[in-house]
Amino acid sequence: MKDQATLSPIKKQVIWTRLMSLVEEQAQTLLRTAFSSIVRECGDLSAGVFDTKGRMLAQAVTGTPGHINTMARAVFFFVDAIPVDAMCPGDIYVTNDPWKGTGHLNDYLVVTPAFRGGRVVALFACTGHMTDVGGIGLSTEGSDVFCEGVYVPIMKLAEKGVINETLMTVAKANSRVPTELEGDIYSLIASNETAERRLQELLNESGLDDLSEVADHIITTSRNAMAERIEALPYGTATYTMTIDGFEAPVELVGTLKVDDTGVSFDWTGTSGLSKKGINVPLNYTTAMTAYALVCSIAPDLPNNEGGLSLFRVSAPNTSIVNAERPHPVACRHIIGLLLPDVVFGCVQQLLPSCPTPSEGASTQWTLTFRGGRTDDPYAISIVTNGGSGARPGLDGLSATSFPSNVRGTPTEIVESSTPLLFWKRELREASGGAGQWRGGLGQDMEISSLDGHDFTLFAAFDRIDHPARGRQGGRAGSAGELSLSDGTSLPGKGALVIKAEDRLVVKTPGGGGYGAPADRDGDALTNDQHAGYVTE
């Protein structure tokens, strides 16, 4: 093998680029082989490569920031629990611990060591959202994490190539969709195996024994590049507040961004206290979404890895709804977690007025989690639907588009072919985007029922019903979300809601806020909006 100390800067960069390509194939393998529609169709996943210290070196473009940035911290927990020297070829590790994984029990995180010459040279990790892991499931109704499903600590999923059948049997026995769960677990395994094979090819072609020198280059280069961006920022402190629906009572989100000679810090002191229901957010997920918004604002063009992420400090009181500790319920941590970037952007705009921060958006996904069917033939499905994103300086908001998560909406055809659910209507919601010089994105207008003659249950986990997305710089708020029956009966945004077989469920997702004064909107743009039916006369 070649002396690794002689690697040229160009060769290091080529290998780095190959790693980014490699983990994208890792993610695409998971996307193609997953059983659950929320992974296969929507891309609710993440994939990445880590060095033997647990540092994330590269992430796949396919994946969500909540999964990716929590996974960036999670592998450190695996390395602490299972020393690299104790790992053996064929070993595979797993957890769905919300505080050591990606924030709630529905996400299984699988880590696979890659060996070369009898020693570990890298770790591959991937995660995917499991539709059902038992317990009360993906519901806001849980009183603690033990209600929310089967809790899997960091442990072996396979030992020296032999699958842990006890773990698989227990996991399947507690899931309402056991075949789907088993298939998804094997798809996570296959994803890492694909990446490991590609790494061996890369090391053979490069003449390397391991990734140590390249890993140090990636981390150091990324940290230095991020440090330069941070050093160019003006010193100052900014605070932004945002009221959202919450569960028992409205929740006040309060964030403070500080830039000084020690770097960038973000603190959530002042945010409302813990909820008794499953809308609490573990600090790892809060940190992931906060760092994501900061990176988007400060250095959107830099690769996302441990080098850059390590320079952001995020804190919150452990009595806060954004720093829930075990065993508080956290199943629907995404409801509040995905709204956090709006607060971060509000702070950024105060310190960096020239930064093109978007207006507030629907942000939280309106994921429709349904269960129904006969006792001997039940179904469970999570259908991703989205509202409108906030407008940006120079650009209208995106309609029916998930942000800050980037999961895709579940195709109607997939839902109707795999369940008795029927969409009578699914279209853009007229006039739901906030008016402005640049218009907020539109939400969706949907009408859903069941064809099997049985009642079905919606596990509602929605926000922006009482407190819609606000505009910026004179832009108006987007439309609030609405949930009701077709006879006009209003439904709450959170909780287990039984929909009678003869009823139709009406779902109207929120619109994004506008940006700039409506009077300044270009006349041609307004005419186009009217012709397209985006706004009323």
Protein backbone atom coordinates (compact mmCIF):
# COMPACT_ATOMS: atom_id res chain seq x y z
CA MET A 1 0.00 0.00 0.00
CA LYS A 2 1.03 3.59 -0.57
CA ASP A 3 2.37 5.81 2.20
CA GLN A 4 -0.79 7.66 3.21
CA ALA A 5 1.21 10.68 4.41
CA THR A 6 2.01 11.43 0.78
CA LEU A 7 -1.61 11.96 -0.30
CA SER A 8 -1.84 15.14 -2.34
CA PRO A 9 -4.52 17.75 -1.62
CA ILE A 10 -6.15 16.91 -4.94
CA LYS A 11 -6.30 13.20 -4.12
CA LYS A 12 -7.79 13.94 -0.71
CA GLN A 13 -10.47 16.03 -2.38
CA VAL A 14 -11.21 13.30 -4.94
CA ILE A 15 -11.63 10.73 -2.17
CA TRP A 16 -13.84 13.14 -0.21
CA THR A 17 -16.05 13.59 -3.28
CA ARG A 18 -16.19 9.83 -3.76
CA LEU A 19 -17.37 9.44 -0.16
CA MET A 20 -20.20 11.88 -0.79
CA SER A 21 -21.18 9.92 -3.89
CA LEU A 22 -20.89 6.66 -1.97
CA VAL A 23 -23.29 7.71 0.81
CA GLU A 24 -25.80 8.94 -1.75
CA GLU A 25 -25.87 5.42 -3.20
CA GLN A 26 -26.29 4.21 0.38
CA ALA A 27 -29.40 6.40 0.77
CA GLN A 28 -30.78 5.43 -2.63
CA THR A 29 -30.46 1.75 -1.71
CA LEU A 30 -32.57 2.39 1.37
CA LEU A 31 -35.06 4.36 -0.71
CA ARG A 32 -35.44 1.54 -3.26
CA THR A 33 -35.65 -1.37 -0.83
CA ALA A 34 -37.78 0.06 2.01
CA PHE A 35 -41.20 -1.47 2.62
CA SER A 36 -42.91 1.50 4.31
CA SER A 37 -44.26 4.21 2.03
CA ILE A 38 -42.98 7.01 4.27
CA VAL A 39 -39.41 5.91 3.51
CA ARG A 40 -39.85 4.46 0.01
CA GLU A 41 -42.03 7.23 -1.41
CA CYS A 42 -41.24 10.19 0.85
CA GLY A 43 -37.55 9.77 1.69
CA ASP A 44 -37.92 10.03 5.48
CA LEU A 45 -34.40 8.72 6.08
CA SER A 46 -30.71 9.56 6.39
CA ALA A 47 -27.40 7.93 5.54
CA GLY A 48 -23.77 8.76 6.20
CA VAL A 49 -20.19 7.63 6.71
CA PHE A 50 -18.29 8.14 9.97
CA ASP A 51 -14.70 7.64 11.05
CA THR A 52 -13.71 5.33 13.91
CA LYS A 53 -14.03 8.22 16.39
CA GLY A 54 -17.71 8.59 15.48
CA ARG A 55 -17.27 11.83 13.49
CA MET A 56 -19.61 12.25 10.51
CA LEU A 57 -17.51 12.67 7.36
CA ALA A 58 -20.21 12.83 4.70
CA GLN A 59 -23.99 12.72 4.49
CA ALA A 60 -26.28 11.76 1.66
CA VAL A 61 -28.16 14.53 -0.10
CA THR A 62 -31.23 12.31 0.09
CA GLY A 63 -32.52 12.54 3.64
CA THR A 64 -33.97 14.95 6.17
CA PRO A 65 -31.97 17.42 8.30
CA GLY A 66 -33.64 16.19 11.48
CA HIS A 67 -32.43 12.66 10.79
CA ILE A 68 -29.02 13.64 9.44
CA ASN A 69 -28.00 16.08 12.17
CA THR A 70 -29.24 13.85 15.00
CA MET A 71 -27.41 10.91 13.42
CA ALA A 72 -24.27 13.06 13.43
CA ARG A 73 -24.42 12.98 17.25
CA ALA A 74 -25.82 9.47 17.59
CA VAL A 75 -22.79 7.54 16.34
CA PHE A 76 -20.73 8.97 19.22
CA PHE A 77 -23.12 7.13 21.58
CA PHE A 78 -22.55 3.88 19.68
CA VAL A 79 -18.77 4.23 19.90
CA ASP A 80 -19.02 4.97 23.62
CA ALA A 81 -21.29 1.97 24.24
CA ILE A 82 -19.35 -0.47 22.06
CA PRO A 83 -15.61 0.30 21.69
CA VAL A 84 -14.41 0.00 18.12
CA ASP A 85 -11.78 -2.53 19.18
CA ALA A 86 -14.56 -4.80 20.45
CA MET A 87 -16.41 -4.85 17.12
CA CYS A 88 -16.18 -7.92 14.89
CA PRO A 89 -16.76 -8.48 11.16
CA GLY A 90 -20.45 -9.17 10.58
CA ASP A 91 -21.58 -7.18 13.61
CA ILE A 92 -24.45 -4.73 13.11
CA TYR A 93 -25.78 -2.39 15.81
CA VAL A 94 -29.16 -0.74 16.28
CA THR A 95 -31.17 1.59 18.50
CA ASN A 96 -34.35 3.63 18.44
CA ASP A 97 -33.54 5.46 21.71
CA PRO A 98 -35.00 8.95 21.18
CA TRP A 99 -32.17 10.59 23.15
CA LYS A 100 -29.31 8.65 21.59
CA GLY A 101 -30.88 8.25 18.16
CA THR A 102 -33.03 10.65 16.17
CA GLY A 103 -35.68 11.87 18.57
CA HIS A 104 -38.50 9.31 18.73
CA LEU A 105 -39.06 5.55 18.82
CA ASN A 106 -40.30 5.30 15.24
CA ASP A 107 -36.80 5.87 13.88
CA TYR A 108 -34.54 2.82 13.81
CA LEU A 109 -30.85 3.74 13.50
CA VAL A 110 -28.50 1.03 12.22
CA VAL A 111 -24.69 1.25 12.43
CA THR A 112 -22.39 -1.15 10.57
CA PRO A 113 -18.59 -1.22 11.00
CA ALA A 114 -16.47 -1.60 7.87
CA PHE A 115 -13.35 -3.73 8.27
CA ARG A 116 -10.07 -3.84 6.36
CA GLY A 117 -7.04 -5.83 7.34
CA GLY A 118 -8.84 -7.08 10.43
CA ARG A 119 -9.60 -3.65 11.90
CA VAL A 120 -12.44 -1.15 11.69
CA VAL A 121 -11.75 1.62 9.16
CA ALA A 122 -15.16 3.33 9.04
CA LEU A 123 -18.70 3.20 10.36
CA PHE A 124 -21.79 3.44 8.19
CA ALA A 125 -25.07 4.60 9.69
CA CYS A 126 -28.56 5.01 8.31
CA THR A 127 -31.97 5.60 9.73
CA GLY A 128 -35.53 5.27 8.53
CA HIS A 129 -38.97 5.98 9.94
CA MET A 130 -40.86 2.81 10.86
CA THR A 131 -44.63 3.13 10.41
CA ASP A 132 -45.48 1.32 13.63
CA VAL A 133 -43.26 0.21 16.53
CA GLY A 134 -46.06 -0.71 18.93
CA GLY A 135 -47.56 1.02 21.94
CA ILE A 136 -49.75 4.01 21.28
CA GLY A 137 -47.65 4.69 18.19
CA LEU A 138 -47.11 7.98 16.41
CA SER A 139 -49.59 9.84 18.58
CA THR A 140 -49.56 12.89 20.81
CA GLU A 141 -51.57 11.03 23.46
CA GLY A 142 -48.75 9.25 25.27
CA SER A 143 -48.03 10.13 28.89
CA ASP A 144 -44.42 8.89 28.78
CA VAL A 145 -42.05 7.28 26.29
CA PHE A 146 -43.00 3.80 27.54
CA CYS A 147 -46.47 4.31 26.06
CA GLU A 148 -45.08 5.12 22.64
CA GLY A 149 -43.65 1.83 21.48
CA VAL A 150 -40.93 -0.79 21.96
CA TYR A 151 -37.73 0.83 23.23
CA VAL A 152 -34.54 -0.68 21.75
CA PRO A 153 -31.31 0.36 23.51
CA ILE A 154 -27.99 0.34 21.67
CA MET A 155 -27.42 -3.36 21.02
CA LYS A 156 -26.42 -5.92 18.43
CA LEU A 157 -28.82 -6.42 15.55
CA ALA A 158 -26.42 -9.04 14.18
CA GLU A 159 -23.36 -10.73 15.70
CA LYS A 160 -20.68 -12.01 13.33
CA GLY A 161 -23.24 -12.19 10.54
CA VAL A 162 -26.03 -13.87 12.53
CA ILE A 163 -29.22 -11.85 12.93
CA ASN A 164 -30.51 -11.33 16.47
CA GLU A 165 -33.73 -13.29 16.00
CA THR A 166 -34.90 -12.56 19.54
CA LEU A 167 -34.84 -8.84 18.89
CA MET A 168 -36.55 -9.27 15.52
CA THR A 169 -39.27 -11.47 17.03
CA VAL A 170 -40.00 -8.99 19.83
CA ALA A 171 -40.04 -6.00 17.47
CA LYS A 172 -42.39 -7.73 15.02
CA ALA A 173 -44.67 -9.04 17.76
CA ASN A 174 -45.28 -5.47 18.94
CA SER A 175 -45.89 -3.90 15.54
CA ARG A 176 -49.26 -3.65 13.82
CA VAL A 177 -47.44 -4.08 10.49
CA PRO A 178 -44.80 -6.73 11.33
CA THR A 179 -43.91 -7.68 7.77
CA GLU A 180 -43.34 -4.05 6.85
CA LEU A 181 -41.19 -3.49 9.95
CA GLU A 182 -39.05 -6.54 9.23
CA GLY A 183 -38.59 -5.48 5.62
CA ASP A 184 -37.58 -1.98 6.67
CA ILE A 185 -34.98 -3.30 9.11
CA TYR A 186 -33.43 -5.44 6.39
CA SER A 187 -33.45 -2.44 4.04
CA LEU A 188 -31.40 -0.50 6.61
CA ILE A 189 -28.95 -3.40 6.77
CA ALA A 190 -28.72 -3.55 2.96
CA SER A 191 -28.14 0.19 2.75
CA ASN A 192 -25.03 -0.02 4.94
CA GLU A 193 -23.80 -3.15 3.17
CA THR A 194 -23.94 -1.36 -0.17
CA ALA A 195 -21.90 1.52 1.21
CA GLU A 196 -19.34 -0.85 2.74
CA ARG A 197 -18.77 -2.59 -0.60
CA ARG A 198 -18.26 0.74 -2.34
CA LEU A 199 -15.79 1.82 0.34
CA GLN A 200 -13.70 -1.30 -0.24
CA GLU A 201 -13.61 -0.48 -3.95
CA LEU A 202 -12.53 3.07 -3.16
CA LEU A 203 -9.76 1.96 -0.82
CA ASN A 204 -8.50 -0.57 -3.39
CA GLU A 205 -8.43 2.04 -6.15
CA SER A 206 -6.75 4.61 -3.90
CA GLY A 207 -4.20 2.26 -2.41
CA LEU A 208 -5.23 3.13 1.13
CA ASP A 209 -5.38 1.02 4.28
CA ASP A 210 -7.90 3.30 6.03
CA LEU A 211 -9.55 6.73 5.98
CA SER A 212 -7.67 8.32 8.88
CA GLU A 213 -5.74 10.94 6.91
CA VAL A 214 -8.71 11.75 4.69
CA ALA A 215 -10.99 11.98 7.73
CA ASP A 216 -8.71 14.49 9.43
CA HIS A 217 -8.55 16.49 6.19
CA ILE A 218 -12.35 16.56 5.88
CA ILE A 219 -12.95 17.63 9.47
CA THR A 220 -10.15 20.22 9.56
CA THR A 221 -10.99 21.75 6.19
CA SER A 222 -14.70 21.96 6.99
CA ARG A 223 -14.11 23.41 10.45
CA ASN A 224 -11.75 26.05 9.07
CA ALA A 225 -14.17 27.01 6.30
CA MET A 226 -17.05 27.37 8.77
CA ALA A 227 -14.84 29.32 11.18
CA GLU A 228 -14.07 31.83 8.40
CA ARG A 229 -17.79 32.36 7.79
CA ILE A 230 -18.42 32.83 11.49
CA GLU A 231 -15.53 35.28 11.89
CA ALA A 232 -17.04 37.44 9.15
CA LEU A 233 -20.33 37.80 11.07
CA PRO A 234 -21.07 41.02 12.99
CA TYR A 235 -21.12 40.61 16.76
CA GLY A 236 -24.49 40.97 18.40
CA THR A 237 -27.47 39.35 20.10
CA ALA A 238 -30.98 38.90 18.70
CA THR A 239 -34.13 37.37 20.19
CA TYR A 240 -37.23 36.20 18.34
CA THR A 241 -40.48 34.82 19.72
CA MET A 242 -43.22 32.79 18.07
CA THR A 243 -46.47 31.50 19.53
CA ILE A 244 -47.74 28.14 18.29
CA ASP A 245 -50.77 26.00 19.12
CA GLY A 246 -49.22 23.49 21.51
CA PHE A 247 -51.52 20.91 23.15
CA GLU A 248 -52.86 21.82 26.59
CA ALA A 249 -52.13 25.51 25.95
CA PRO A 250 -50.32 27.65 23.37
CA VAL A 251 -46.54 27.25 23.37
CA GLU A 252 -44.18 30.21 23.30
CA LEU A 253 -40.94 29.57 21.43
CA VAL A 254 -38.19 32.01 22.44
CA GLY A 255 -34.78 31.85 20.83
CA THR A 256 -31.70 34.01 21.31
CA LEU A 257 -28.85 34.06 18.81
CA LYS A 258 -25.49 35.37 19.99
CA VAL A 259 -22.39 36.00 17.91
CA ASP A 260 -19.23 37.06 19.77
CA ASP A 261 -15.53 36.27 19.98
CA THR A 262 -16.35 32.75 21.18
CA GLY A 263 -18.39 31.94 18.07
CA VAL A 264 -22.10 31.28 17.49
CA SER A 265 -24.48 30.16 20.20
CA PHE A 266 -28.25 29.73 20.28
CA ASP A 267 -30.22 29.49 23.50
CA TRP A 268 -33.89 28.55 23.97
CA THR A 269 -34.31 30.02 27.46
CA GLY A 270 -37.78 31.55 27.82
CA THR A 271 -39.48 28.82 25.80
CA SER A 272 -42.56 27.20 27.37
CA GLY A 273 -42.21 24.31 29.78
CA LEU A 274 -42.74 20.62 29.19
CA SER A 275 -46.02 19.19 27.97
CA LYS A 276 -47.72 16.17 29.53
CA LYS A 277 -48.35 14.95 25.97
CA GLY A 278 -46.10 13.62 23.24
CA ILE A 279 -45.15 16.92 21.60
CA ASN A 280 -41.96 17.39 23.64
CA VAL A 281 -38.63 17.62 21.83
CA PRO A 282 -35.37 15.95 22.97
CA LEU A 283 -32.38 18.30 22.91
CA ASN A 284 -30.68 16.27 20.17
CA TYR A 285 -33.54 17.05 17.77
CA THR A 286 -33.68 20.69 18.90
CA THR A 287 -29.94 20.96 18.26
CA ALA A 288 -30.27 19.31 14.85
CA MET A 289 -32.96 21.69 13.61
CA THR A 290 -31.31 24.77 15.13
CA ALA A 291 -27.94 23.96 13.57
CA TYR A 292 -29.64 23.26 10.24
CA ALA A 293 -31.18 26.74 10.14
CA LEU A 294 -27.87 28.35 11.15
CA VAL A 295 -25.99 26.49 8.43
CA CYS A 296 -28.62 27.48 5.84
CA SER A 297 -28.17 31.11 6.85
CA ILE A 298 -24.40 31.29 7.31
CA ALA A 299 -22.85 28.68 5.04
CA PRO A 300 -25.38 26.87 2.83
CA ASP A 301 -22.69 25.93 0.31
CA LEU A 302 -20.36 24.10 2.72
CA PRO A 303 -20.48 20.29 3.09
CA ASN A 304 -22.37 19.20 6.20
CA ASN A 305 -20.20 17.16 8.55
CA GLU A 306 -18.81 17.12 12.07
CA GLY A 307 -16.22 19.78 11.23
CA GLY A 308 -18.78 22.51 10.61
CA LEU A 309 -21.50 21.32 13.00
CA SER A 310 -19.07 21.27 15.93
CA LEU A 311 -18.83 25.07 15.90
CA PHE A 312 -22.47 25.71 16.84
CA ARG A 313 -23.50 25.69 20.50
CA VAL A 314 -27.18 25.04 21.26
CA SER A 315 -28.65 25.09 24.75
CA ALA A 316 -32.06 24.94 26.46
CA PRO A 317 -33.23 24.52 30.06
CA ASN A 318 -34.15 20.93 30.91
CA THR A 319 -37.54 22.23 32.04
CA SER A 320 -38.25 23.41 28.51
CA ILE A 321 -40.43 21.73 25.91
CA VAL A 322 -37.39 21.74 23.59
CA ASN A 323 -35.19 19.83 26.05
CA ALA A 324 -37.35 16.95 27.21
CA GLU A 325 -35.44 14.32 29.13
CA ARG A 326 -36.29 10.64 29.47
CA PRO A 327 -38.99 9.41 30.04
CA HIS A 328 -41.12 12.34 28.81
CA PRO A 329 -43.32 11.50 25.77
CA VAL A 330 -41.71 12.62 22.49
CA ALA A 331 -43.44 10.61 19.73
CA CYS A 332 -44.53 13.73 17.82
CA ARG A 333 -41.37 15.75 18.47
CA HIS A 334 -41.51 16.92 14.84
CA ILE A 335 -44.58 19.11 15.46
CA ILE A 336 -42.55 21.65 17.42
CA GLY A 337 -39.10 20.60 16.21
CA LEU A 338 -39.81 21.52 12.59
CA LEU A 339 -41.06 24.97 13.65
CA LEU A 340 -37.78 25.87 15.36
CA PRO A 341 -35.98 27.06 12.19
CA ASP A 342 -38.61 29.81 11.78
CA VAL A 343 -37.45 31.21 15.12
CA VAL A 344 -33.79 30.90 14.13
CA PHE A 345 -34.45 32.72 10.85
CA GLY A 346 -36.22 35.48 12.77
CA CYS A 347 -33.06 36.01 14.83
CA VAL A 348 -30.78 35.81 11.79
CA GLN A 349 -32.71 38.52 9.96
CA GLN A 350 -32.14 40.92 12.83
CA LEU A 351 -28.37 40.38 12.87
CA LEU A 352 -27.95 39.86 9.12
CA PRO A 353 -30.59 41.95 7.32
CA SER A 354 -29.05 41.10 3.94
CA CYS A 355 -29.48 37.34 4.50
CA PRO A 356 -32.46 36.11 2.41
CA THR A 357 -34.27 34.48 5.31
CA PRO A 358 -37.78 33.20 4.49
CA SER A 359 -40.99 34.22 6.18
CA GLU A 360 -42.58 31.77 8.56
CA GLY A 361 -44.08 28.73 6.83
CA ALA A 362 -46.36 25.81 7.55
CA SER A 363 -43.08 24.20 8.69
CA THR A 364 -44.52 21.31 10.69
CA GLN A 365 -45.60 18.46 8.44
CA TRP A 366 -49.27 17.56 8.40
CA THR A 367 -48.58 13.83 8.44
CA LEU A 368 -51.86 11.88 8.38
CA THR A 369 -51.35 8.78 10.50
CA PHE A 370 -54.31 6.43 10.06
CA ARG A 371 -55.27 3.08 11.51
CA GLY A 372 -58.32 1.05 10.58
CA GLY A 373 -59.63 -2.08 8.91
CA ARG A 374 -60.98 -5.31 10.31
CA THR A 375 -59.64 -6.83 13.51
CA ASP A 376 -58.13 -9.69 11.50
CA ASP A 377 -56.87 -7.45 8.71
CA PRO A 378 -55.79 -4.07 10.14
CA TYR A 379 -53.85 -1.38 8.34
CA ALA A 380 -51.61 1.43 9.53
CA ILE A 381 -50.13 4.15 7.36
CA SER A 382 -48.47 7.53 7.69
CA ILE A 383 -49.29 9.83 4.77
CA VAL A 384 -47.04 12.85 4.36
CA THR A 385 -48.89 16.00 3.35
CA ASN A 386 -47.45 19.49 3.55
CA GLY A 387 -48.45 23.11 3.66
CA GLY A 388 -46.82 26.13 2.04
CA SER A 389 -43.36 27.47 2.81
CA GLY A 390 -42.68 31.11 3.56
CA ALA A 391 -41.84 33.58 0.80
CA ARG A 392 -38.25 34.77 0.40
CA PRO A 393 -36.83 38.05 -0.90
CA GLY A 394 -37.26 37.75 -4.65
CA LEU A 395 -39.09 34.40 -4.60
CA ASP A 396 -42.60 33.21 -3.76
CA GLY A 397 -42.96 30.45 -1.20
CA LEU A 398 -43.20 26.86 -2.38
CA SER A 399 -46.66 25.31 -2.38
CA ALA A 400 -47.45 21.97 -0.72
CA THR A 401 -43.74 21.54 0.00
CA SER A 402 -42.15 20.31 3.18
CA PHE A 403 -39.65 22.70 4.78
CA PRO A 404 -37.42 22.57 6.80
CA SER A 405 -37.80 18.85 6.39
CA ASN A 406 -37.50 17.85 2.76
CA VAL A 407 -39.66 14.74 2.71
CA ARG A 408 -41.87 14.33 -0.32
CA GLY A 409 -45.63 14.05 -0.17
CA THR A 410 -47.05 10.53 -0.27
CA PRO A 411 -48.61 9.85 -3.68
CA THR A 412 -52.37 9.36 -3.53
CA GLU A 413 -52.12 6.28 -5.75
CA ILE A 414 -49.85 4.56 -3.22
CA VAL A 415 -52.30 5.20 -0.40
CA GLU A 416 -55.35 4.04 -2.35
CA SER A 417 -53.65 0.89 -3.63
CA SER A 418 -52.47 -0.25 -0.19
CA THR A 419 -55.39 0.80 2.06
CA PRO A 420 -59.18 1.26 1.74
CA LEU A 421 -58.72 5.02 2.09
CA LEU A 422 -60.00 7.19 -0.76
CA PHE A 423 -59.03 10.76 -1.58
CA TRP A 424 -62.09 12.51 -2.98
CA LYS A 425 -60.10 15.70 -3.37
CA ARG A 426 -56.46 16.73 -3.16
CA GLU A 427 -55.62 20.11 -4.62
CA LEU A 428 -53.86 23.36 -3.86
CA ARG A 429 -55.78 25.47 -1.37
CA GLU A 430 -56.90 28.70 -3.00
CA ALA A 431 -55.68 31.97 -1.44
CA SER A 432 -53.89 30.20 1.43
CA GLY A 433 -50.49 31.79 0.80
CA GLY A 434 -49.87 35.06 2.63
CA ALA A 435 -50.03 38.15 0.40
CA GLY A 436 -46.87 40.13 -0.13
CA GLN A 437 -44.45 41.47 -2.68
CA TRP A 438 -43.59 37.78 -2.80
CA ARG A 439 -46.46 35.44 -2.00
CA GLY A 440 -46.36 32.66 0.56
CA GLY A 441 -46.69 29.09 -0.64
CA LEU A 442 -50.14 27.49 -0.80
CA GLY A 443 -51.37 24.66 1.37
CA GLN A 444 -53.49 21.69 0.29
CA ASP A 445 -57.23 21.05 0.37
CA MET A 446 -58.10 17.38 0.85
CA GLU A 447 -61.17 15.24 1.47
CA ILE A 448 -60.69 11.64 2.61
CA SER A 449 -62.94 8.71 3.51
CA SER A 450 -62.77 4.93 3.81
CA LEU A 451 -64.33 2.41 1.43
CA ASP A 452 -64.35 -0.68 3.65
CA GLY A 453 -67.38 0.27 5.75
CA HIS A 454 -65.35 0.48 8.96
CA ASP A 455 -64.59 3.47 11.14
CA PHE A 456 -60.98 4.60 11.03
CA THR A 457 -58.77 6.63 13.37
CA LEU A 458 -56.69 9.68 12.59
CA PHE A 459 -53.87 10.37 15.04
CA ALA A 460 -53.86 14.13 14.57
CA ALA A 461 -50.53 15.86 15.18
CA PHE A 462 -50.92 19.29 13.58
CA ASP A 463 -50.07 22.90 14.37
CA ARG A 464 -50.63 26.33 12.76
CA ILE A 465 -54.40 26.03 13.28
CA ASP A 466 -54.72 28.77 15.89
CA HIS A 467 -51.47 30.56 15.08
CA PRO A 468 -50.75 30.76 11.33
CA ALA A 469 -47.39 31.54 9.75
CA ARG A 470 -46.53 35.23 9.93
CA GLY A 471 -45.11 37.27 7.08
CA ARG A 472 -41.97 39.41 7.16
CA GLN A 473 -41.25 42.96 6.10
CA GLY A 474 -44.93 43.84 5.67
CA GLY A 475 -46.01 40.50 4.22
CA ARG A 476 -49.26 39.02 5.49
CA ALA A 477 -49.82 35.80 7.36
CA GLY A 478 -50.66 32.60 5.54
CA SER A 479 -53.99 30.88 6.09
CA ALA A 480 -54.37 28.82 9.24
CA GLY A 481 -54.77 25.07 8.93
CA GLU A 482 -58.22 23.52 9.29
CA LEU A 483 -59.43 20.06 10.28
CA SER A 484 -63.09 19.08 10.10
CA LEU A 485 -65.70 16.67 8.84
CA SER A 486 -67.52 17.30 5.58
CA ASP A 487 -70.64 18.32 7.51
CA GLY A 488 -68.67 21.24 8.96
CA THR A 489 -67.93 19.72 12.39
CA SER A 490 -64.61 21.16 13.54
CA LEU A 491 -61.94 18.75 14.83
CA PRO A 492 -58.99 19.43 17.15
CA GLY A 493 -55.49 19.51 15.72
CA LYS A 494 -54.08 16.92 18.11
CA GLY A 495 -55.33 13.64 19.50
CA ALA A 496 -56.88 10.33 18.40
CA LEU A 497 -59.93 11.14 16.27
CA VAL A 498 -62.35 8.39 15.22
CA ILE A 499 -63.83 9.07 11.77
CA LYS A 500 -67.10 7.25 11.17
CA ALA A 501 -67.35 5.09 8.07
CA GLU A 502 -70.03 7.32 6.57
CA ASP A 503 -68.08 10.57 7.17
CA ARG A 504 -65.47 12.34 5.11
CA LEU A 505 -62.44 13.97 6.69
CA VAL A 506 -61.57 17.46 5.43
CA VAL A 507 -57.93 18.55 5.80
CA LYS A 508 -56.72 22.01 4.83
CA THR A 509 -53.02 22.51 5.44
CA PRO A 510 -51.61 25.96 6.33
CA GLY A 511 -50.13 28.47 3.92
CA GLY A 512 -46.78 30.23 4.20
CA GLY A 513 -46.32 33.87 5.15
CA GLY A 514 -45.76 36.57 2.54
CA TYR A 515 -42.65 38.74 2.26
CA GLY A 516 -42.79 42.48 1.61
CA ALA A 517 -45.77 44.78 1.21
CA PRO A 518 -48.60 43.32 -0.95
CA ALA A 519 -48.92 46.66 -2.79
CA ASP A 520 -45.40 46.14 -4.17
CA ARG A 521 -46.21 42.84 -5.90
CA ASP A 522 -45.55 42.85 -9.61
CA GLY A 523 -48.78 43.26 -11.62
CA ASP A 524 -47.98 40.42 -13.99
CA ALA A 525 -47.30 38.09 -11.06
CA LEU A 526 -50.65 38.99 -9.50
CA THR A 527 -52.45 38.40 -12.81
CA ASN A 528 -50.77 35.02 -13.15
CA ASP A 529 -51.84 34.13 -9.61
CA GLN A 530 -55.46 34.97 -10.46
CA HIS A 531 -55.41 32.99 -13.70
CA ALA A 532 -53.91 29.97 -11.94
CA GLY A 533 -56.51 30.14 -9.18
CA TYR A 534 -53.87 30.74 -6.50
CA VAL A 535 -55.68 33.85 -5.24
CA THR A 536 -59.23 35.14 -5.40
CA GLU A 537 -60.29 38.20 -7.37
